[in-house]
C-alpha atoms as a PDB file:
ATOM      1  CA  MET A   1     -34.976 -31.287  18.444  1.00  0.00           C
ATOM      2  CA  THR A   2     -36.219 -32.600  15.159  1.00  0.00           C
ATOM      3  CA  ASP A   3     -34.100 -34.902  13.057  1.00  0.00           C
ATOM      4  CA  ILE A   4     -31.774 -33.230  10.613  1.00  0.00           C
ATOM      5  CA  THR A   5     -33.065 -33.929   7.131  1.00  0.00           C
ATOM      6  CA  LEU A   6     -31.253 -33.206   3.919  1.00  0.00           C
ATOM      7  CA  THR A   7     -32.736 -32.997   0.476  1.00  0.00           C
ATOM      8  CA  ALA A   8     -31.478 -35.509  -2.053  1.00  0.00           C
ATOM      9  CA  GLU A   9     -29.524 -32.719  -3.749  1.00  0.00           C
ATOM     10  CA  GLU A  10     -27.925 -31.593  -0.488  1.00  0.00           C
ATOM     11  CA  LYS A  11     -26.966 -35.144   0.408  1.00  0.00           C
ATOM     12  CA  GLN A  12     -25.443 -35.739  -3.036  1.00  0.00           C
ATOM     13  CA  ARG A  13     -23.525 -32.453  -2.885  1.00  0.00           C
ATOM     14  CA  LEU A  14     -22.184 -33.259   0.594  1.00  0.00           C
ATOM     15  CA  ALA A  15     -21.342 -36.814  -0.452  1.00  0.00           C
ATOM     16  CA  ARG A  16     -19.330 -35.479  -3.422  1.00  0.00           C
ATOM     17  CA  ARG A  17     -17.491 -33.022  -1.167  1.00  0.00           C
ATOM     18  CA  LEU A  18     -16.774 -35.754   1.386  1.00  0.00           C
ATOM     19  CA  SER A  19     -15.621 -38.133  -1.323  1.00  0.00           C
ATOM     20  CA  ASP A  20     -13.333 -35.480  -2.836  1.00  0.00           C
ATOM     21  CA  TYR A  21     -11.939 -34.617   0.598  1.00  0.00           C
ATOM     22  CA  CYS A  22     -11.199 -38.248   1.461  1.00  0.00           C
ATOM     23  CA  ASP A  23      -9.582 -38.806  -1.929  1.00  0.00           C
ATOM     24  CA  GLU A  24      -7.446 -35.671  -1.665  1.00  0.00           C
ATOM     25  CA  HIS A  25      -6.361 -35.953   1.976  1.00  0.00           C
ATOM     26  CA  PHE A  26      -6.379 -39.682   2.675  1.00  0.00           C
ATOM     27  CA  ASP A  27      -6.018 -41.237  -0.768  1.00  0.00           C
ATOM     28  CA  LEU A  28      -9.281 -43.003   0.043  1.00  0.00           C
ATOM     29  CA  THR A  29     -11.910 -43.520  -2.628  1.00  0.00           C
ATOM     30  CA  LEU A  30     -15.519 -43.495  -1.439  1.00  0.00           C
ATOM     31  CA  GLU A  31     -18.201 -44.720  -3.771  1.00  0.00           C
ATOM     32  CA  GLN A  32     -21.446 -42.713  -3.887  1.00  0.00           C
ATOM     33  CA  PHE A  33     -23.365 -45.111  -1.606  1.00  0.00           C
ATOM     34  CA  ASP A  34     -20.548 -45.165   0.963  1.00  0.00           C
ATOM     35  CA  ALA A  35     -20.205 -41.382   0.879  1.00  0.00           C
ATOM     36  CA  GLU A  36     -23.966 -40.873   1.324  1.00  0.00           C
ATOM     37  CA  PHE A  37     -24.007 -43.388   4.198  1.00  0.00           C
ATOM     38  CA  PHE A  38     -21.105 -41.483   5.783  1.00  0.00           C
ATOM     39  CA  VAL A  39     -22.980 -38.168   5.353  1.00  0.00           C
ATOM     40  CA  ASP A  40     -25.998 -39.714   7.102  1.00  0.00           C
ATOM     41  CA  PHE A  41     -23.756 -40.831   9.957  1.00  0.00           C
ATOM     42  CA  ILE A  42     -22.140 -37.390  10.283  1.00  0.00           C
ATOM     43  CA  ALA A  43     -25.539 -35.668  10.271  1.00  0.00           C
ATOM     44  CA  LYS A  44     -26.878 -38.009  12.950  1.00  0.00           C
ATOM     45  CA  ALA A  45     -23.758 -38.123  15.130  1.00  0.00           C
ATOM     46  CA  PHE A  46     -22.528 -34.540  14.874  1.00  0.00           C
ATOM     47  CA  GLY A  47     -25.532 -32.639  13.574  1.00  0.00           C
ATOM     48  CA  PRO A  48     -27.073 -32.015  17.005  1.00  0.00           C
ATOM     49  CA  ALA A  49     -23.868 -30.358  18.247  1.00  0.00           C
ATOM     50  CA  PHE A  50     -23.768 -28.030  15.224  1.00  0.00           C
ATOM     51  CA  TYR A  51     -27.503 -27.403  15.492  1.00  0.00           C
ATOM     52  CA  ASN A  52     -27.203 -26.503  19.182  1.00  0.00           C
ATOM     53  CA  ALA A  53     -24.242 -24.219  18.443  1.00  0.00           C
ATOM     54  CA  GLY A  54     -26.392 -22.422  15.867  1.00  0.00           C
ATOM     55  CA  ILE A  55     -29.235 -22.052  18.359  1.00  0.00           C
ATOM     56  CA  ASP A  56     -26.824 -20.701  20.986  1.00  0.00           C
ATOM     57  CA  GLU A  57     -25.479 -18.168  18.490  1.00  0.00           C
ATOM     58  CA  ALA A  58     -29.024 -17.110  17.572  1.00  0.00           C
ATOM     59  CA  ILE A  59     -29.811 -16.613  21.268  1.00  0.00           C
ATOM     60  CA  ARG A  60     -26.648 -14.515  21.770  1.00  0.00           C
ATOM     61  CA  THR A  61     -27.489 -12.424  18.706  1.00  0.00           C
ATOM     62  CA  HIS A  62     -31.079 -11.949  19.881  1.00  0.00           C
ATOM     63  CA  MET A  63     -29.930 -10.919  23.351  1.00  0.00           C
ATOM     64  CA  ALA A  64     -27.438  -8.409  21.910  1.00  0.00           C
ATOM     65  CA  TYR A  65     -30.143  -6.835  19.744  1.00  0.00           C
ATOM     66  CA  SER A  66     -32.586  -6.881  22.648  1.00  0.00           C
ATOM     67  CA  ASP A  67     -30.068  -5.086  24.868  1.00  0.00           C
ATOM     68  CA  ARG A  68     -29.425  -2.550  22.125  1.00  0.00           C
ATOM     69  CA  ILE A  69     -33.158  -1.902  21.680  1.00  0.00           C
ATOM     70  CA  GLN A  70     -33.546  -1.476  25.442  1.00  0.00           C
ATOM     71  CA  GLU A  71     -30.727   1.084  25.471  1.00  0.00           C
ATOM     72  CA  GLU A  72     -32.295   2.974  22.553  1.00  0.00           C
ATOM     73  CA  MET A  73     -35.692   2.992  24.229  1.00  0.00           C
ATOM     74  CA  ASP A  74     -34.187   4.228  27.502  1.00  0.00           C
ATOM     75  CA  LEU A  75     -32.595   7.139  25.596  1.00  0.00           C
ATOM     76  CA  LYS A  76     -36.001   8.100  24.186  1.00  0.00           C
ATOM     77  CA  LYS A  77     -37.653   8.359  27.577  1.00  0.00           C
ATOM     78  CA  ILE A  78     -38.853  11.818  28.549  1.00  0.00           C
ATOM     79  CA  ASP A  79     -37.232  13.207  31.671  1.00  0.00           C
ATOM     80  CA  GLU A  80     -39.679  13.671  34.488  1.00  0.00           C
ATOM     81  CA  ILE A  81     -39.964  17.068  36.122  1.00  0.00           C
END
């Protein structure tokens, strides 16, 4: 798996959301640098689990469509005499 990389804008947006969440739920104020550092940690520590869950979901979706296509193709077969 490749490293999870965020654009500067994504990281800033996530840092603001994290900072707002911590302030609202924990009465904890995170400065921008701390929030961005925390976002980096979350991406590195938890990102692979979320990434793998997304891959697993894509595989399940692909398999469901593949099964559906197979069923449709079987219905189109010409009966042999």
